[in-house]
């Protein structure tokens, strides 16, 4: 979302420059058609951006063309109509200067919000049951993005890192795929870090073992009473490791999995609701470059406000 806010700020700033150029020739303000078009275009752009952000927030790409076209057209029509309904002597200048003020405010405030979201803290809404009962569908929380360091855009380098990921951290990350046809492409996921780089992870009858030791996991939730049995005469460990790193593990291995070794710069992450979680068991290790931050605290609903552990 922070990337989208950045581009919204850039569009607002660009429109402010256009309007400043418009004001350099006062005779343009005497044209009702020209001023109406400029006012309508501004609010049409606002409608397009609002539709873009809303569909992204709701994770509904199917709504994108409908919202952008309808809100853009509606904003343009209302902008033009509003100009023609205001026919006082200074109406054109007043209206366009209001637009300039909105554009300037949008540029500065939205750019600041994008910077804060990219570097320090981000709001996140739980979209699925994969982390129940630790986190419930609809929980709104803040993500601490500074703790693991601020990633330099288009690189894998991070600045101002406070600490590395620890086992047990609940982390937010960009889903690791470059396949734009994937329904998860570009989406943020939230899971618990189970295995760190170099750890050996294995699951036996739903119990997780890290480096040969069973984890004591009081936070887990199992929706199914049955255990999917291990595959007899399964593939050699080397083949299993390769299949896992390539994200080719079948769902049948949900309860009896591994062992696999977490590669350098990657993490093994799982949902607390183990039987209803699409996690690293199936799509492979989570790259450190996809890491966005650590879940911090729930701020909504009010009866669930708490620090996340």
C-alpha atoms as a PDB file:
ATOM      1  CA  UNK A   1       0.000   0.000   0.000  1.00  0.00           C
ATOM      2  CA  UNK A   2       2.861   2.398   0.744  1.00  0.00           C
ATOM      3  CA  UNK A   3       3.992   2.174  -2.888  1.00  0.00           C
ATOM      4  CA  UNK A   4       0.518   3.112  -4.051  1.00  0.00           C
ATOM      5  CA  UNK A   5       0.380   6.059  -1.636  1.00  0.00           C
ATOM      6  CA  UNK A   6       3.710   7.240  -3.005  1.00  0.00           C
ATOM      7  CA  UNK A   7       2.299   7.357  -6.537  1.00  0.00           C
ATOM      8  CA  UNK A   8      -0.868   9.096  -5.313  1.00  0.00           C
ATOM      9  CA  UNK A   9       1.363  11.778  -3.769  1.00  0.00           C
ATOM     10  CA  UNK A  10       3.324  12.112  -7.026  1.00  0.00           C
ATOM     11  CA  UNK A  11       0.110  12.553  -9.036  1.00  0.00           C
ATOM     12  CA  UNK A  12      -1.107  15.201  -6.561  1.00  0.00           C
ATOM     13  CA  UNK A  13       2.195  17.057  -6.813  1.00  0.00           C
ATOM     14  CA  UNK A  14       2.167  16.894 -10.605  1.00  0.00           C
ATOM     15  CA  UNK A  15      -1.373  18.316 -10.730  1.00  0.00           C
ATOM     16  CA  UNK A  16      -0.323  21.141  -8.416  1.00  0.00           C
ATOM     17  CA  UNK A  17       2.424  22.046 -10.909  1.00  0.00           C
ATOM     18  CA  UNK A  18      -0.092  21.981 -13.768  1.00  0.00           C
ATOM     19  CA  UNK A  19      -2.437  24.337 -11.899  1.00  0.00           C
ATOM     20  CA  UNK A  20       0.393  26.726 -11.090  1.00  0.00           C
ATOM     21  CA  UNK A  21       1.163  26.869 -14.783  1.00  0.00           C
ATOM     22  CA  UNK A  22      -2.526  27.528 -15.472  1.00  0.00           C
ATOM     23  CA  UNK A  23      -2.549  30.540 -13.118  1.00  0.00           C
ATOM     24  CA  UNK A  24       0.402  32.139 -14.935  1.00  0.00           C
ATOM     25  CA  UNK A  25      -2.001  33.264 -17.657  1.00  0.00           C
ATOM     26  CA  UNK A  26      -4.935  35.022 -15.907  1.00  0.00           C
ATOM     27  CA  UNK A  27      -6.956  35.210 -19.127  1.00  0.00           C
ATOM     28  CA  UNK A  28      -7.533  31.456 -18.873  1.00  0.00           C
ATOM     29  CA  UNK A  29      -9.694  32.049 -15.802  1.00  0.00           C
ATOM     30  CA  UNK A  30     -12.191  33.939 -17.978  1.00  0.00           C
ATOM     31  CA  UNK A  31     -13.062  30.781 -19.917  1.00  0.00           C
ATOM     32  CA  UNK A  32     -15.904  28.873 -18.183  1.00  0.00           C
ATOM     33  CA  UNK A  33     -15.289  25.815 -20.360  1.00  0.00           C
ATOM     34  CA  UNK A  34     -11.566  25.677 -19.631  1.00  0.00           C
ATOM     35  CA  UNK A  35     -11.942  26.180 -15.890  1.00  0.00           C
ATOM     36  CA  UNK A  36     -14.779  23.632 -15.749  1.00  0.00           C
ATOM     37  CA  UNK A  37     -12.621  21.087 -17.575  1.00  0.00           C
ATOM     38  CA  UNK A  38      -9.682  21.630 -15.204  1.00  0.00           C
ATOM     39  CA  UNK A  39     -11.909  21.362 -12.141  1.00  0.00           C
ATOM     40  CA  UNK A  40     -13.591  18.250 -13.518  1.00  0.00           C
ATOM     41  CA  UNK A  41     -10.276  16.634 -14.436  1.00  0.00           C
ATOM     42  CA  UNK A  42      -8.930  17.120 -10.926  1.00  0.00           C
ATOM     43  CA  UNK A  43     -11.891  15.452  -9.266  1.00  0.00           C
ATOM     44  CA  UNK A  44     -11.927  12.778 -11.945  1.00  0.00           C
ATOM     45  CA  UNK A  45      -8.317  11.969 -11.061  1.00  0.00           C
ATOM     46  CA  UNK A  46      -9.277  11.902  -7.376  1.00  0.00           C
ATOM     47  CA  UNK A  47     -12.048   9.398  -8.190  1.00  0.00           C
ATOM     48  CA  UNK A  48      -9.684   7.167 -10.190  1.00  0.00           C
ATOM     49  CA  UNK A  49      -7.114   7.148  -7.369  1.00  0.00           C
ATOM     50  CA  UNK A  50      -9.800   6.468  -4.749  1.00  0.00           C
ATOM     51  CA  UNK A  51     -11.022   3.450  -6.724  1.00  0.00           C
ATOM     52  CA  UNK A  52      -7.454   2.189  -7.121  1.00  0.00           C
ATOM     53  CA  UNK A  53      -6.699   2.465  -3.399  1.00  0.00           C
ATOM     54  CA  UNK A  54     -10.014   0.971  -2.290  1.00  0.00           C
ATOM     55  CA  UNK A  55      -9.687  -2.101  -4.513  1.00  0.00           C
ATOM     56  CA  UNK A  56      -6.106  -2.571  -3.253  1.00  0.00           C
ATOM     57  CA  UNK A  57      -7.172  -2.223   0.383  1.00  0.00           C
ATOM     58  CA  UNK A  58      -9.958  -4.764  -0.082  1.00  0.00           C
ATOM     59  CA  UNK A  59      -7.631  -6.999  -2.132  1.00  0.00           C
ATOM     60  CA  UNK A  60     -10.261  -7.077  -4.865  1.00  0.00           C
ATOM     61  CA  UNK A  61      -8.517  -6.620  -8.222  1.00  0.00           C
ATOM     62  CA  UNK A  62     -11.810  -7.557  -9.886  1.00  0.00           C
ATOM     63  CA  UNK A  63     -13.257  -4.256  -8.617  1.00  0.00           C
ATOM     64  CA  UNK A  64     -10.419  -2.189 -10.042  1.00  0.00           C
ATOM     65  CA  UNK A  65     -11.752  -1.372 -13.544  1.00  0.00           C
ATOM     66  CA  UNK A  66     -15.300  -0.780 -12.318  1.00  0.00           C
ATOM     67  CA  UNK A  67     -14.329   1.483  -9.431  1.00  0.00           C
ATOM     68  CA  UNK A  68     -11.699   3.456 -11.325  1.00  0.00           C
ATOM     69  CA  UNK A  69     -13.967   4.111 -14.296  1.00  0.00           C
ATOM     70  CA  UNK A  70     -17.145   4.847 -12.335  1.00  0.00           C
ATOM     71  CA  UNK A  71     -15.545   7.014  -9.635  1.00  0.00           C
ATOM     72  CA  UNK A  72     -13.378   8.776 -12.201  1.00  0.00           C
ATOM     73  CA  UNK A  73     -16.355   9.577 -14.437  1.00  0.00           C
ATOM     74  CA  UNK A  74     -18.465  10.577 -11.446  1.00  0.00           C
ATOM     75  CA  UNK A  75     -15.755  12.851 -10.079  1.00  0.00           C
ATOM     76  CA  UNK A  76     -15.288  14.531 -13.462  1.00  0.00           C
ATOM     77  CA  UNK A  77     -19.036  15.090 -13.928  1.00  0.00           C
ATOM     78  CA  UNK A  78     -19.484  16.522 -10.426  1.00  0.00           C
ATOM     79  CA  UNK A  79     -16.457  18.772 -10.862  1.00  0.00           C
ATOM     80  CA  UNK A  80     -17.781  20.224 -14.119  1.00  0.00           C
ATOM     81  CA  UNK A  81     -21.293  20.617 -12.688  1.00  0.00           C
ATOM     82  CA  UNK A  82     -20.002  22.359  -9.561  1.00  0.00           C
ATOM     83  CA  UNK A  83     -18.134  24.909 -11.688  1.00  0.00           C
ATOM     84  CA  UNK A  84     -21.230  25.729 -13.717  1.00  0.00           C
ATOM     85  CA  UNK A  85     -23.344  26.092 -10.581  1.00  0.00           C
ATOM     86  CA  UNK A  86     -20.927  28.716  -9.250  1.00  0.00           C
ATOM     87  CA  UNK A  87     -21.068  31.687 -11.590  1.00  0.00           C
ATOM     88  CA  UNK A  88     -19.929  34.493  -9.285  1.00  0.00           C
ATOM     89  CA  UNK A  89     -17.228  36.869 -10.531  1.00  0.00           C
ATOM     90  CA  UNK A  90     -14.322  35.157  -8.760  1.00  0.00           C
ATOM     91  CA  UNK A  91     -15.743  31.644  -8.751  1.00  0.00           C
ATOM     92  CA  UNK A  92     -13.273  30.199 -11.264  1.00  0.00           C
ATOM     93  CA  UNK A  93     -10.196  31.416  -9.425  1.00  0.00           C
ATOM     94  CA  UNK A  94     -11.564  30.435  -6.007  1.00  0.00           C
ATOM     95  CA  UNK A  95     -12.471  26.932  -7.169  1.00  0.00           C
ATOM     96  CA  UNK A  96      -9.140  26.257  -8.870  1.00  0.00           C
ATOM     97  CA  UNK A  97      -7.171  27.670  -5.944  1.00  0.00           C
ATOM     98  CA  UNK A  98      -9.075  25.273  -3.690  1.00  0.00           C
ATOM     99  CA  UNK A  99      -8.029  22.474  -6.049  1.00  0.00           C
ATOM    100  CA  UNK A 100      -4.421  23.673  -5.815  1.00  0.00           C
ATOM    101  CA  UNK A 101      -4.605  23.626  -2.033  1.00  0.00           C
ATOM    102  CA  UNK A 102      -6.015  20.082  -2.067  1.00  0.00           C
ATOM    103  CA  UNK A 103      -3.289  18.965  -4.469  1.00  0.00           C
ATOM    104  CA  UNK A 104      -0.523  20.528  -2.354  1.00  0.00           C
ATOM    105  CA  UNK A 105      -1.962  18.998   0.819  1.00  0.00           C
ATOM    106  CA  UNK A 106      -2.293  15.616  -0.856  1.00  0.00           C
ATOM    107  CA  UNK A 107       1.300  15.726  -2.041  1.00  0.00           C
ATOM    108  CA  UNK A 108       2.843  16.601   1.325  1.00  0.00           C
ATOM    109  CA  UNK A 109       0.596  14.637   3.685  1.00  0.00           C
ATOM    110  CA  UNK A 110       0.266  11.486   1.571  1.00  0.00           C
ATOM    111  CA  UNK A 111       3.988  11.459   0.815  1.00  0.00           C
ATOM    112  CA  UNK A 112       4.662  11.699   4.554  1.00  0.00           C
ATOM    113  CA  UNK A 113       2.196   8.860   5.225  1.00  0.00           C
ATOM    114  CA  UNK A 114       3.878   6.709   2.567  1.00  0.00           C
ATOM    115  CA  UNK A 115       7.294   7.409   4.126  1.00  0.00           C
ATOM    116  CA  UNK A 116       6.050   6.479   7.613  1.00  0.00           C
ATOM    117  CA  UNK A 117       4.415   3.289   6.308  1.00  0.00           C
ATOM    118  CA  UNK A 118       7.536   2.287   4.389  1.00  0.00           C
ATOM    119  CA  UNK A 119      10.006   2.966   7.210  1.00  0.00           C
ATOM    120  CA  UNK A 120       8.292   2.762  10.582  1.00  0.00           C
ATOM    121  CA  UNK A 121       4.774   1.403  10.985  1.00  0.00           C
ATOM    122  CA  UNK A 122       2.024  -0.005   8.790  1.00  0.00           C
ATOM    123  CA  UNK A 123      -1.607  -0.834   9.425  1.00  0.00           C
ATOM    124  CA  UNK A 124      -2.649  -4.386   8.555  1.00  0.00           C
ATOM    125  CA  UNK A 125      -5.991  -6.205   8.572  1.00  0.00           C
ATOM    126  CA  UNK A 126      -6.207  -9.962   9.177  1.00  0.00           C
ATOM    127  CA  UNK A 127      -7.850 -11.416   6.043  1.00  0.00           C
ATOM    128  CA  UNK A 128      -8.100 -15.142   6.866  1.00  0.00           C
ATOM    129  CA  UNK A 129      -8.352 -17.755   9.632  1.00  0.00           C
ATOM    130  CA  UNK A 130      -4.745 -18.961   9.257  1.00  0.00           C
ATOM    131  CA  UNK A 131      -3.565 -17.300  12.511  1.00  0.00           C
ATOM    132  CA  UNK A 132      -6.542 -18.174  14.736  1.00  0.00           C
ATOM    133  CA  UNK A 133      -6.817 -18.034  17.652  1.00  0.00           C
ATOM    134  CA  UNK A 134      -3.899 -15.669  18.057  1.00  0.00           C
ATOM    135  CA  UNK A 135      -5.287 -13.290  15.436  1.00  0.00           C
ATOM    136  CA  UNK A 136      -8.881 -13.292  14.230  1.00  0.00           C
ATOM    137  CA  UNK A 137     -10.379 -12.346  10.889  1.00  0.00           C
ATOM    138  CA  UNK A 138     -11.042  -8.605  10.938  1.00  0.00           C
ATOM    139  CA  UNK A 139      -8.429  -7.749  13.570  1.00  0.00           C
ATOM    140  CA  UNK A 140      -6.683  -4.474  12.726  1.00  0.00           C
ATOM    141  CA  UNK A 141      -3.091  -4.235  13.873  1.00  0.00           C
ATOM    142  CA  UNK A 142       0.055  -2.193  13.519  1.00  0.00           C
ATOM    143  CA  UNK A 143       3.225  -3.691  12.083  1.00  0.00           C
ATOM    144  CA  UNK A 144       6.629  -2.555  13.376  1.00  0.00           C
ATOM    145  CA  UNK A 145       8.677  -2.114  10.191  1.00  0.00           C
ATOM    146  CA  UNK A 146      11.771  -0.605  11.788  1.00  0.00           C
ATOM    147  CA  UNK A 147      12.678  -3.561  13.991  1.00  0.00           C
ATOM    148  CA  UNK A 148      14.155  -5.640  11.133  1.00  0.00           C
ATOM    149  CA  UNK A 149      15.603  -2.600   9.369  1.00  0.00           C
ATOM    150  CA  UNK A 150      14.398  -0.294   6.598  1.00  0.00           C
ATOM    151  CA  UNK A 151      14.889  -1.935   3.218  1.00  0.00           C
ATOM    152  CA  UNK A 152      16.528   0.236   0.581  1.00  0.00           C
ATOM    153  CA  UNK A 153      14.142   0.190  -2.423  1.00  0.00           C
ATOM    154  CA  UNK A 154      15.065  -2.251  -5.218  1.00  0.00           C
ATOM    155  CA  UNK A 155      17.841  -3.815  -3.112  1.00  0.00           C
ATOM    156  CA  UNK A 156      18.148  -6.477  -0.393  1.00  0.00           C
ATOM    157  CA  UNK A 157      20.031  -4.125   1.932  1.00  0.00           C
ATOM    158  CA  UNK A 158      18.521  -2.811   5.167  1.00  0.00           C
ATOM    159  CA  UNK A 159      19.399   0.151   7.334  1.00  0.00           C
ATOM    160  CA  UNK A 160      18.885   0.868  11.059  1.00  0.00           C
ATOM    161  CA  UNK A 161      18.153  -2.773  11.914  1.00  0.00           C
ATOM    162  CA  UNK A 162      17.366  -3.293  15.601  1.00  0.00           C
ATOM    163  CA  UNK A 163      17.543  -7.086  15.509  1.00  0.00           C
ATOM    164  CA  UNK A 164      17.094 -10.142  13.313  1.00  0.00           C
ATOM    165  CA  UNK A 165      13.976 -12.293  13.174  1.00  0.00           C
ATOM    166  CA  UNK A 166      13.669 -14.589  16.189  1.00  0.00           C
ATOM    167  CA  UNK A 167      11.872 -17.925  16.325  1.00  0.00           C
ATOM    168  CA  UNK A 168       8.314 -17.246  17.436  1.00  0.00           C
ATOM    169  CA  UNK A 169       8.065 -13.755  15.895  1.00  0.00           C
ATOM    170  CA  UNK A 170       4.825 -13.096  14.032  1.00  0.00           C
ATOM    171  CA  UNK A 171       5.969 -11.514  10.787  1.00  0.00           C
ATOM    172  CA  UNK A 172       4.316  -9.748   7.862  1.00  0.00           C
ATOM    173  CA  UNK A 173       5.821 -10.296   4.426  1.00  0.00           C
ATOM    174  CA  UNK A 174       5.117 -10.006   0.736  1.00  0.00           C
ATOM    175  CA  UNK A 175       4.061 -13.395  -0.642  1.00  0.00           C
ATOM    176  CA  UNK A 176       7.079 -14.904  -2.432  1.00  0.00           C
ATOM    177  CA  UNK A 177       6.076 -15.313  -6.047  1.00  0.00           C
ATOM    178  CA  UNK A 178       6.873 -13.605  -9.330  1.00  0.00           C
ATOM    179  CA  UNK A 179       3.909 -15.245 -11.062  1.00  0.00           C
ATOM    180  CA  UNK A 180       1.463 -12.420 -11.728  1.00  0.00           C
ATOM    181  CA  UNK A 181      -1.300 -14.940 -12.456  1.00  0.00           C
ATOM    182  CA  UNK A 182      -1.108 -16.259  -8.882  1.00  0.00           C
ATOM    183  CA  UNK A 183      -4.042 -15.142  -6.694  1.00  0.00           C
ATOM    184  CA  UNK A 184      -1.476 -14.327  -3.993  1.00  0.00           C
ATOM    185  CA  UNK A 185       0.807 -12.193  -6.150  1.00  0.00           C
ATOM    186  CA  UNK A 186       1.661  -8.883  -4.471  1.00  0.00           C
ATOM    187  CA  UNK A 187      -0.296  -9.664  -1.299  1.00  0.00           C
ATOM    188  CA  UNK A 188       0.937  -9.346   2.269  1.00  0.00           C
ATOM    189  CA  UNK A 189       0.851 -12.490   4.415  1.00  0.00           C
ATOM    190  CA  UNK A 190       1.187 -12.856   8.186  1.00  0.00           C
ATOM    191  CA  UNK A 191       2.658 -16.001   9.780  1.00  0.00           C
ATOM    192  CA  UNK A 192       4.817 -17.097  12.706  1.00  0.00           C
ATOM    193  CA  UNK A 193       8.553 -17.660  12.178  1.00  0.00           C
ATOM    194  CA  UNK A 194       9.294 -21.278  13.107  1.00  0.00           C
ATOM    195  CA  UNK A 195      12.631 -22.017  11.455  1.00  0.00           C
ATOM    196  CA  UNK A 196      15.549 -19.613  10.970  1.00  0.00           C
ATOM    197  CA  UNK A 197      18.329 -19.851   8.356  1.00  0.00           C
ATOM    198  CA  UNK A 198      20.239 -23.101   8.836  1.00  0.00           C
ATOM    199  CA  UNK A 199      17.566 -24.768  10.998  1.00  0.00           C
ATOM    200  CA  UNK A 200      16.310 -28.264  10.212  1.00  0.00           C
ATOM    201  CA  UNK A 201      12.511 -28.395  10.384  1.00  0.00           C
ATOM    202  CA  UNK A 202      10.412 -31.537  10.515  1.00  0.00           C
ATOM    203  CA  UNK A 203       6.759 -32.254  11.336  1.00  0.00           C
ATOM    204  CA  UNK A 204       5.710 -35.588  12.788  1.00  0.00           C
ATOM    205  CA  UNK A 205       2.016 -36.161  13.389  1.00  0.00           C
ATOM    206  CA  UNK A 206       1.423 -32.390  13.638  1.00  0.00           C
ATOM    207  CA  UNK A 207       4.253 -31.845  16.137  1.00  0.00           C
ATOM    208  CA  UNK A 208       6.970 -29.507  14.878  1.00  0.00           C
ATOM    209  CA  UNK A 209      10.620 -30.375  15.474  1.00  0.00           C
ATOM    210  CA  UNK A 210      13.404 -27.832  14.979  1.00  0.00           C
ATOM    211  CA  UNK A 211      16.931 -29.203  14.989  1.00  0.00           C
ATOM    212  CA  UNK A 212      15.599 -32.452  16.414  1.00  0.00           C
ATOM    213  CA  UNK A 213      13.744 -30.877  19.376  1.00  0.00           C
ATOM    214  CA  UNK A 214       9.949 -30.780  19.635  1.00  0.00           C
ATOM    215  CA  UNK A 215       8.558 -27.257  20.003  1.00  0.00           C
ATOM    216  CA  UNK A 216       6.251 -26.400  22.876  1.00  0.00           C
ATOM    217  CA  UNK A 217       3.613 -24.410  21.026  1.00  0.00           C
ATOM    218  CA  UNK A 218       0.809 -23.179  23.264  1.00  0.00           C
ATOM    219  CA  UNK A 219      -0.454 -20.857  20.526  1.00  0.00           C
ATOM    220  CA  UNK A 220      -1.389 -23.516  17.950  1.00  0.00           C
ATOM    221  CA  UNK A 221      -4.903 -24.394  16.857  1.00  0.00           C
ATOM    222  CA  UNK A 222      -5.917 -27.576  15.011  1.00  0.00           C
ATOM    223  CA  UNK A 223      -9.202 -27.582  13.129  1.00  0.00           C
ATOM    224  CA  UNK A 224      -9.037 -31.295  12.187  1.00  0.00           C
ATOM    225  CA  UNK A 225      -9.058 -34.224  14.603  1.00  0.00           C
ATOM    226  CA  UNK A 226      -7.396 -36.572  12.153  1.00  0.00           C
ATOM    227  CA  UNK A 227      -3.737 -36.730  11.136  1.00  0.00           C
ATOM    228  CA  UNK A 228      -2.746 -37.159   7.514  1.00  0.00           C
ATOM    229  CA  UNK A 229      -0.318 -40.116   7.550  1.00  0.00           C
ATOM    230  CA  UNK A 230       3.203 -39.909   6.128  1.00  0.00           C
ATOM    231  CA  UNK A 231       3.853 -41.168   2.617  1.00  0.00           C
ATOM    232  CA  UNK A 232       5.429 -44.616   2.635  1.00  0.00           C
ATOM    233  CA  UNK A 233       8.673 -44.893   0.705  1.00  0.00           C
ATOM    234  CA  UNK A 234       8.771 -41.144   0.176  1.00  0.00           C
ATOM    235  CA  UNK A 235      11.387 -39.363  -1.934  1.00  0.00           C
ATOM    236  CA  UNK A 236      14.999 -39.027  -0.759  1.00  0.00           C
ATOM    237  CA  UNK A 237      15.771 -36.048   1.450  1.00  0.00           C
ATOM    238  CA  UNK A 238      17.621 -34.269  -1.364  1.00  0.00           C
ATOM    239  CA  UNK A 239      14.616 -34.521  -3.686  1.00  0.00           C
ATOM    240  CA  UNK A 240      12.252 -33.414  -0.926  1.00  0.00           C
ATOM    241  CA  UNK A 241      14.481 -30.425  -0.138  1.00  0.00           C
ATOM    242  CA  UNK A 242      14.522 -29.361  -3.792  1.00  0.00           C
ATOM    243  CA  UNK A 243      10.762 -29.799  -4.173  1.00  0.00           C
ATOM    244  CA  UNK A 244      10.167 -27.753  -1.034  1.00  0.00           C
ATOM    245  CA  UNK A 245      12.427 -24.889  -2.112  1.00  0.00           C
ATOM    246  CA  UNK A 246      10.589 -24.825  -5.448  1.00  0.00           C
ATOM    247  CA  UNK A 247       7.158 -24.769  -3.762  1.00  0.00           C
ATOM    248  CA  UNK A 248       6.023 -28.182  -5.024  1.00  0.00           C
ATOM    249  CA  UNK A 249       4.985 -29.873  -1.765  1.00  0.00           C
ATOM    250  CA  UNK A 250       1.507 -31.495  -1.913  1.00  0.00           C
ATOM    251  CA  UNK A 251      -1.103 -30.805   0.773  1.00  0.00           C
ATOM    252  CA  UNK A 252      -1.038 -34.476   1.790  1.00  0.00           C
ATOM    253  CA  UNK A 253       2.256 -33.773   3.625  1.00  0.00           C
ATOM    254  CA  UNK A 254       0.607 -31.215   5.887  1.00  0.00           C
ATOM    255  CA  UNK A 255       0.946 -33.220   9.133  1.00  0.00           C
ATOM    256  CA  UNK A 256       4.078 -35.232   8.349  1.00  0.00           C
ATOM    257  CA  UNK A 257       6.633 -33.116   6.593  1.00  0.00           C
ATOM    258  CA  UNK A 258      10.389 -32.976   6.076  1.00  0.00           C
ATOM    259  CA  UNK A 259      12.982 -32.839   7.297  1.00  0.00           C
ATOM    260  CA  UNK A 260      14.163 -29.810   5.326  1.00  0.00           C
ATOM    261  CA  UNK A 261      16.943 -27.319   5.977  1.00  0.00           C
ATOM    262  CA  UNK A 262      16.068 -23.610   5.840  1.00  0.00           C
ATOM    263  CA  UNK A 263      18.405 -21.988   3.269  1.00  0.00           C
ATOM    264  CA  UNK A 264      20.510 -18.905   4.096  1.00  0.00           C
ATOM    265  CA  UNK A 265      18.547 -15.655   4.033  1.00  0.00           C
ATOM    266  CA  UNK A 266      15.185 -17.447   4.328  1.00  0.00           C
ATOM    267  CA  UNK A 267      12.679 -18.469   6.983  1.00  0.00           C
ATOM    268  CA  UNK A 268      10.226 -21.283   7.632  1.00  0.00           C
ATOM    269  CA  UNK A 269       6.900 -19.650   8.558  1.00  0.00           C
ATOM    270  CA  UNK A 270       3.602 -21.243   9.561  1.00  0.00           C
ATOM    271  CA  UNK A 271       0.136 -20.128  10.579  1.00  0.00           C
ATOM    272  CA  UNK A 272      -0.982 -20.859  14.144  1.00  0.00           C
ATOM    273  CA  UNK A 273      -4.140 -22.470  12.759  1.00  0.00           C
ATOM    274  CA  UNK A 274      -2.105 -25.326  11.348  1.00  0.00           C
ATOM    275  CA  UNK A 275      -4.861 -27.194   9.496  1.00  0.00           C
ATOM    276  CA  UNK A 276      -6.152 -24.044   7.777  1.00  0.00           C
ATOM    277  CA  UNK A 277      -2.937 -22.292   6.870  1.00  0.00           C
ATOM    278  CA  UNK A 278      -1.321 -21.943   3.457  1.00  0.00           C
ATOM    279  CA  UNK A 279       2.271 -21.479   4.551  1.00  0.00           C
ATOM    280  CA  UNK A 280       5.917 -22.399   4.000  1.00  0.00           C
ATOM    281  CA  UNK A 281       5.122 -26.101   4.127  1.00  0.00           C
ATOM    282  CA  UNK A 282       3.592 -25.779   0.677  1.00  0.00           C
ATOM    283  CA  UNK A 283       5.123 -22.773  -1.086  1.00  0.00           C
ATOM    284  CA  UNK A 284       8.658 -23.019   0.283  1.00  0.00           C
ATOM    285  CA  UNK A 285      10.997 -20.838   2.346  1.00  0.00           C
ATOM    286  CA  UNK A 286      10.172 -17.159   2.791  1.00  0.00           C
ATOM    287  CA  UNK A 287      12.987 -14.889   1.497  1.00  0.00           C
ATOM    288  CA  UNK A 288      14.367 -12.264   3.855  1.00  0.00           C
ATOM    289  CA  UNK A 289      13.944  -9.647   1.109  1.00  0.00           C
ATOM    290  CA  UNK A 290      10.147 -10.139   1.293  1.00  0.00           C
ATOM    291  CA  UNK A 291      10.065  -9.373   5.012  1.00  0.00           C
ATOM    292  CA  UNK A 292       8.105  -6.234   5.894  1.00  0.00           C
ATOM    293  CA  UNK A 293       7.947  -6.180   9.691  1.00  0.00           C
ATOM    294  CA  UNK A 294       6.844  -7.695  12.979  1.00  0.00           C
ATOM    295  CA  UNK A 295       3.225  -7.716  14.159  1.00  0.00           C
ATOM    296  CA  UNK A 296       3.075  -5.192  17.002  1.00  0.00           C
ATOM    297  CA  UNK A 297      -0.363  -4.709  18.584  1.00  0.00           C
ATOM    298  CA  UNK A 298      -4.055  -4.965  17.787  1.00  0.00           C
ATOM    299  CA  UNK A 299      -5.827  -1.599  17.830  1.00  0.00           C
ATOM    300  CA  UNK A 300      -9.294  -2.700  16.613  1.00  0.00           C
ATOM    301  CA  UNK A 301     -11.788  -3.960  17.685  1.00  0.00           C
ATOM    302  CA  UNK A 302     -11.587  -2.255  21.045  1.00  0.00           C
ATOM    303  CA  UNK A 303     -12.264  -5.413  23.035  1.00  0.00           C
ATOM    304  CA  UNK A 304      -9.179  -7.049  21.487  1.00  0.00           C
ATOM    305  CA  UNK A 305      -6.604  -4.298  21.989  1.00  0.00           C
ATOM    306  CA  UNK A 306      -3.382  -6.008  23.055  1.00  0.00           C
ATOM    307  CA  UNK A 307       0.309  -6.481  22.363  1.00  0.00           C
ATOM    308  CA  UNK A 308       0.837  -9.373  19.935  1.00  0.00           C
ATOM    309  CA  UNK A 309       3.043 -12.234  21.134  1.00  0.00           C
END
